[in-house]
């Protein structure tokens, strides 16, 4: 039984662009790249559906950061760092380090 392959985004984009160009058939592309024609159709559809997002005003969107969540995560990191330091000091007699 074959193992599923995960293709990176660059590979998918390259194959989908070639399918959009239409210079070769989907069957020819599938044989060349070793993927099923259905996958090429799906990648082509995803490319065409998402192409409009490239030209949206403002280019790339900045990720939304919730300041309260960041503060809570920093506090948790601090707590874990203190606990880690405490435990490492208490374990020294048993580890011999």
N, C-alpha and C. Protein backbone atom coordinates (compact mmCIF):
# COMPACT_ATOMS: atom_id res chain seq x y z
N UNK A 1 0.84 -1.17 0.00
CA UNK A 1 0.00 0.00 0.00
C UNK A 1 0.89 1.23 0.00
N UNK A 2 0.54 2.21 -0.82
CA UNK A 2 1.34 3.42 -0.93
C UNK A 2 1.08 4.36 0.23
N UNK A 3 2.12 5.08 0.61
CA UNK A 3 1.99 6.08 1.65
C UNK A 3 1.59 7.41 1.01
N UNK A 4 0.75 8.16 1.67
CA UNK A 4 0.34 9.45 1.14
C UNK A 4 1.53 10.40 1.12
N UNK A 5 1.58 11.19 0.06
CA UNK A 5 2.64 12.19 -0.05
C UNK A 5 2.05 13.56 0.21
N UNK A 6 2.81 14.37 0.91
CA UNK A 6 2.42 15.75 1.15
C UNK A 6 3.29 16.63 0.28
N UNK A 7 2.66 17.36 -0.62
CA UNK A 7 3.40 18.24 -1.51
C UNK A 7 3.43 19.64 -0.91
N UNK A 8 4.55 20.33 -1.09
CA UNK A 8 4.65 21.68 -0.55
C UNK A 8 3.86 22.65 -1.43
N UNK A 9 3.64 23.84 -0.92
CA UNK A 9 2.82 24.82 -1.60
C UNK A 9 3.43 25.25 -2.93
N UNK A 10 4.75 25.32 -2.99
CA UNK A 10 5.41 25.71 -4.23
C UNK A 10 5.17 24.72 -5.35
N UNK A 11 5.22 23.45 -5.02
CA UNK A 11 4.98 22.41 -6.02
C UNK A 11 3.54 22.49 -6.53
N UNK A 12 2.60 22.65 -5.59
CA UNK A 12 1.19 22.73 -5.98
C UNK A 12 0.95 23.94 -6.87
N UNK A 13 1.55 25.07 -6.51
CA UNK A 13 1.37 26.28 -7.31
C UNK A 13 1.94 26.11 -8.71
N UNK A 14 3.10 25.50 -8.80
CA UNK A 14 3.75 25.30 -10.10
C UNK A 14 2.88 24.42 -11.01
N UNK A 15 2.37 23.32 -10.45
CA UNK A 15 1.53 22.41 -11.23
C UNK A 15 0.22 23.09 -11.61
N UNK A 16 -0.38 23.82 -10.65
CA UNK A 16 -1.66 24.49 -10.92
C UNK A 16 -1.49 25.57 -11.99
N UNK A 17 -0.37 26.31 -11.96
CA UNK A 17 -0.13 27.32 -12.98
C UNK A 17 0.02 26.70 -14.37
N UNK A 18 0.70 25.58 -14.43
CA UNK A 18 0.82 24.91 -15.71
C UNK A 18 -0.54 24.43 -16.21
N UNK A 19 -1.40 24.00 -15.29
CA UNK A 19 -2.74 23.57 -15.68
C UNK A 19 -3.57 24.76 -16.17
N UNK A 20 -3.39 25.92 -15.54
CA UNK A 20 -4.13 27.11 -15.95
C UNK A 20 -3.68 27.57 -17.34
N UNK A 21 -2.38 27.44 -17.61
CA UNK A 21 -1.85 27.85 -18.92
C UNK A 21 -2.52 27.07 -20.04
N UNK A 22 -2.76 25.80 -19.83
CA UNK A 22 -3.45 24.98 -20.81
C UNK A 22 -2.59 24.52 -21.97
N UNK A 23 -1.29 24.63 -21.85
CA UNK A 23 -0.41 24.18 -22.92
C UNK A 23 -0.39 22.66 -23.05
N UNK A 24 -0.58 21.98 -21.90
CA UNK A 24 -0.63 20.52 -21.88
C UNK A 24 -1.89 20.09 -21.15
N UNK A 25 -2.32 18.89 -21.41
CA UNK A 25 -3.53 18.39 -20.76
C UNK A 25 -3.22 18.02 -19.31
N UNK A 26 -4.29 17.91 -18.56
CA UNK A 26 -4.15 17.54 -17.15
C UNK A 26 -3.56 16.13 -17.04
N UNK A 27 -3.92 15.27 -17.95
CA UNK A 27 -3.39 13.90 -17.94
C UNK A 27 -1.88 13.90 -18.17
N UNK A 28 -1.41 14.75 -19.08
CA UNK A 28 0.04 14.84 -19.32
C UNK A 28 0.76 15.38 -18.10
N UNK A 29 0.18 16.39 -17.47
CA UNK A 29 0.79 16.95 -16.25
C UNK A 29 0.81 15.92 -15.13
N UNK A 30 -0.27 15.16 -15.00
CA UNK A 30 -0.35 14.13 -13.95
C UNK A 30 0.72 13.08 -14.16
N UNK A 31 0.93 12.68 -15.41
CA UNK A 31 1.96 11.67 -15.69
C UNK A 31 3.35 12.23 -15.42
N UNK A 32 3.57 13.48 -15.77
CA UNK A 32 4.90 14.08 -15.57
C UNK A 32 5.24 14.26 -14.09
N UNK A 33 4.28 14.75 -13.32
CA UNK A 33 4.55 15.06 -11.92
C UNK A 33 4.21 13.93 -10.96
N UNK A 34 3.58 12.88 -11.45
CA UNK A 34 3.28 11.73 -10.61
C UNK A 34 2.17 11.98 -9.60
N UNK A 35 1.18 12.77 -9.98
CA UNK A 35 0.04 13.01 -9.11
C UNK A 35 -1.24 12.66 -9.86
N UNK A 36 -2.32 12.48 -9.14
CA UNK A 36 -3.59 12.12 -9.75
C UNK A 36 -4.20 13.36 -10.41
N UNK A 37 -4.84 13.18 -11.56
CA UNK A 37 -5.46 14.32 -12.24
C UNK A 37 -6.48 15.07 -11.38
N UNK A 38 -7.16 14.37 -10.50
CA UNK A 38 -8.12 15.02 -9.61
C UNK A 38 -7.43 16.05 -8.72
N UNK A 39 -6.23 15.70 -8.25
CA UNK A 39 -5.48 16.64 -7.41
C UNK A 39 -5.13 17.90 -8.19
N UNK A 40 -4.75 17.73 -9.44
CA UNK A 40 -4.40 18.90 -10.26
C UNK A 40 -5.63 19.78 -10.45
N UNK A 41 -6.79 19.18 -10.66
CA UNK A 41 -8.02 19.96 -10.80
C UNK A 41 -8.32 20.72 -9.51
N UNK A 42 -8.12 20.07 -8.37
CA UNK A 42 -8.37 20.74 -7.08
C UNK A 42 -7.40 21.90 -6.86
N UNK A 43 -6.12 21.68 -7.18
CA UNK A 43 -5.13 22.74 -7.00
C UNK A 43 -5.41 23.90 -7.94
N UNK A 44 -5.83 23.59 -9.16
CA UNK A 44 -6.16 24.64 -10.14
C UNK A 44 -7.34 25.46 -9.64
N UNK A 45 -8.38 24.78 -9.13
CA UNK A 45 -9.55 25.48 -8.60
C UNK A 45 -9.17 26.36 -7.41
N UNK A 46 -8.32 25.85 -6.52
CA UNK A 46 -7.89 26.63 -5.36
C UNK A 46 -7.09 27.85 -5.80
N UNK A 47 -6.27 27.69 -6.81
CA UNK A 47 -5.48 28.81 -7.33
C UNK A 47 -6.39 29.88 -7.90
N UNK A 48 -7.35 29.48 -8.71
CA UNK A 48 -8.25 30.46 -9.32
C UNK A 48 -9.16 31.12 -8.28
N UNK A 49 -9.60 30.37 -7.27
CA UNK A 49 -10.45 30.95 -6.22
C UNK A 49 -9.67 31.92 -5.34
N UNK A 50 -8.40 31.65 -5.09
CA UNK A 50 -7.61 32.49 -4.19
C UNK A 50 -6.82 33.58 -4.88
N UNK A 51 -6.89 33.64 -6.20
CA UNK A 51 -6.09 34.63 -6.94
C UNK A 51 -6.53 36.05 -6.62
N UNK A 52 -7.79 36.27 -6.37
CA UNK A 52 -8.28 37.63 -6.08
C UNK A 52 -7.70 38.17 -4.77
N UNK A 53 -7.39 37.28 -3.83
CA UNK A 53 -6.83 37.72 -2.55
C UNK A 53 -5.46 38.36 -2.70
N UNK A 54 -4.75 38.01 -3.74
CA UNK A 54 -3.41 38.56 -3.96
C UNK A 54 -3.49 40.06 -4.22
N UNK A 55 -4.57 40.48 -4.86
CA UNK A 55 -4.69 41.87 -5.26
C UNK A 55 -5.54 42.72 -4.32
N UNK A 56 -5.84 42.20 -3.16
CA UNK A 56 -6.61 42.99 -2.20
C UNK A 56 -5.80 44.19 -1.74
N UNK A 57 -6.51 45.25 -1.41
CA UNK A 57 -5.86 46.49 -0.97
C UNK A 57 -5.09 46.23 0.32
N UNK A 58 -3.88 46.75 0.36
CA UNK A 58 -3.07 46.63 1.56
C UNK A 58 -2.10 45.46 1.54
N UNK A 59 -2.12 44.68 0.52
CA UNK A 59 -1.19 43.55 0.43
C UNK A 59 -1.45 42.53 1.51
N UNK A 60 -0.39 42.12 2.18
CA UNK A 60 -0.52 41.11 3.22
C UNK A 60 -1.15 41.71 4.46
N UNK A 61 -2.02 40.95 5.05
CA UNK A 61 -2.67 41.41 6.26
C UNK A 61 -1.78 41.13 7.46
N UNK A 62 -1.74 42.09 8.36
CA UNK A 62 -0.99 41.90 9.60
C UNK A 62 -1.81 40.99 10.52
N UNK A 63 -1.16 40.05 11.17
CA UNK A 63 -1.92 39.17 12.06
C UNK A 63 -2.46 39.96 13.24
N UNK A 64 -3.70 39.66 13.59
CA UNK A 64 -4.30 40.35 14.73
C UNK A 64 -3.76 39.76 16.02
N UNK A 65 -3.29 40.66 16.91
CA UNK A 65 -2.70 40.22 18.16
C UNK A 65 -3.56 40.75 19.30
N UNK A 66 -4.00 39.85 20.13
CA UNK A 66 -4.78 40.23 21.30
C UNK A 66 -3.81 40.47 22.45
N UNK A 67 -3.73 41.71 22.89
CA UNK A 67 -2.77 42.08 23.93
C UNK A 67 -3.01 41.34 25.24
N UNK A 68 -4.26 41.11 25.60
CA UNK A 68 -4.57 40.39 26.84
C UNK A 68 -4.04 38.95 26.78
N UNK A 69 -4.19 38.32 25.63
CA UNK A 69 -3.70 36.96 25.47
C UNK A 69 -2.19 36.92 25.55
N UNK A 70 -1.53 37.92 24.95
CA UNK A 70 -0.07 37.99 25.00
C UNK A 70 0.40 38.15 26.44
N UNK A 71 -0.26 39.02 27.19
CA UNK A 71 0.12 39.22 28.60
C UNK A 71 -0.07 37.93 29.40
N UNK A 72 -1.19 37.25 29.17
CA UNK A 72 -1.45 36.01 29.89
C UNK A 72 -0.41 34.95 29.55
N UNK A 73 -0.02 34.88 28.28
CA UNK A 73 0.99 33.89 27.87
C UNK A 73 2.36 34.23 28.45
N UNK A 74 2.71 35.50 28.49
CA UNK A 74 3.99 35.90 29.10
C UNK A 74 4.00 35.56 30.59
N UNK A 75 2.87 35.77 31.26
CA UNK A 75 2.79 35.43 32.68
C UNK A 75 2.96 33.92 32.88
N UNK A 76 2.33 33.15 32.03
CA UNK A 76 2.44 31.69 32.13
C UNK A 76 3.88 31.23 31.88
N UNK A 77 4.54 31.86 30.91
CA UNK A 77 5.95 31.53 30.64
C UNK A 77 6.80 31.82 31.86
N UNK A 78 6.53 32.95 32.50
CA UNK A 78 7.27 33.29 33.72
C UNK A 78 7.06 32.27 34.82
N UNK A 79 5.81 31.85 35.03
CA UNK A 79 5.51 30.85 36.05
C UNK A 79 6.23 29.54 35.76
N UNK A 80 6.20 29.13 34.50
CA UNK A 80 6.85 27.87 34.14
C UNK A 80 8.37 27.96 34.27
N UNK A 81 8.93 29.12 33.97
CA UNK A 81 10.37 29.29 34.11
C UNK A 81 10.78 29.19 35.59
N UNK A 82 9.99 29.81 36.48
CA UNK A 82 10.28 29.74 37.91
C UNK A 82 10.16 28.31 38.41
N UNK A 83 9.11 27.61 38.00
CA UNK A 83 8.93 26.22 38.41
C UNK A 83 10.05 25.34 37.89
N UNK A 84 10.46 25.55 36.68
CA UNK A 84 11.54 24.77 36.08
C UNK A 84 12.85 25.00 36.83
N UNK A 85 13.13 26.26 37.16
CA UNK A 85 14.35 26.59 37.91
C UNK A 85 14.31 25.94 39.29
N UNK A 86 13.18 26.03 39.97
CA UNK A 86 13.03 25.44 41.30
C UNK A 86 13.26 23.93 41.26
N UNK A 87 12.62 23.27 40.30
CA UNK A 87 12.75 21.82 40.22
C UNK A 87 14.16 21.40 39.85
N UNK A 88 14.81 22.15 38.98
CA UNK A 88 16.18 21.77 38.61
C UNK A 88 17.12 21.89 39.81
N UNK A 89 16.90 22.90 40.67
CA UNK A 89 17.73 23.02 41.87
C UNK A 89 17.45 21.90 42.86
N UNK A 90 16.19 21.48 42.99
CA UNK A 90 15.84 20.42 43.94
C UNK A 90 16.29 19.05 43.46
N UNK A 91 16.46 18.84 42.16
CA UNK A 91 16.87 17.56 41.63
C UNK A 91 18.39 17.38 41.59
N UNK A 92 19.15 18.43 41.81
CA UNK A 92 20.61 18.33 41.73
C UNK A 92 21.20 17.27 42.66
N UNK A 93 20.73 17.13 43.90
CA UNK A 93 21.32 16.09 44.74
C UNK A 93 21.15 14.67 44.18
N UNK A 94 20.09 14.40 43.47
CA UNK A 94 19.83 13.06 42.94
C UNK A 94 20.54 12.82 41.60
N UNK A 95 20.74 13.85 40.82
CA UNK A 95 21.36 13.67 39.50
C UNK A 95 22.86 13.74 39.59
N UNK A 96 23.41 14.37 40.61
CA UNK A 96 24.85 14.46 40.78
C UNK A 96 25.49 15.52 39.89
N UNK A 97 24.72 16.42 39.38
CA UNK A 97 25.27 17.47 38.51
C UNK A 97 25.38 18.77 39.22
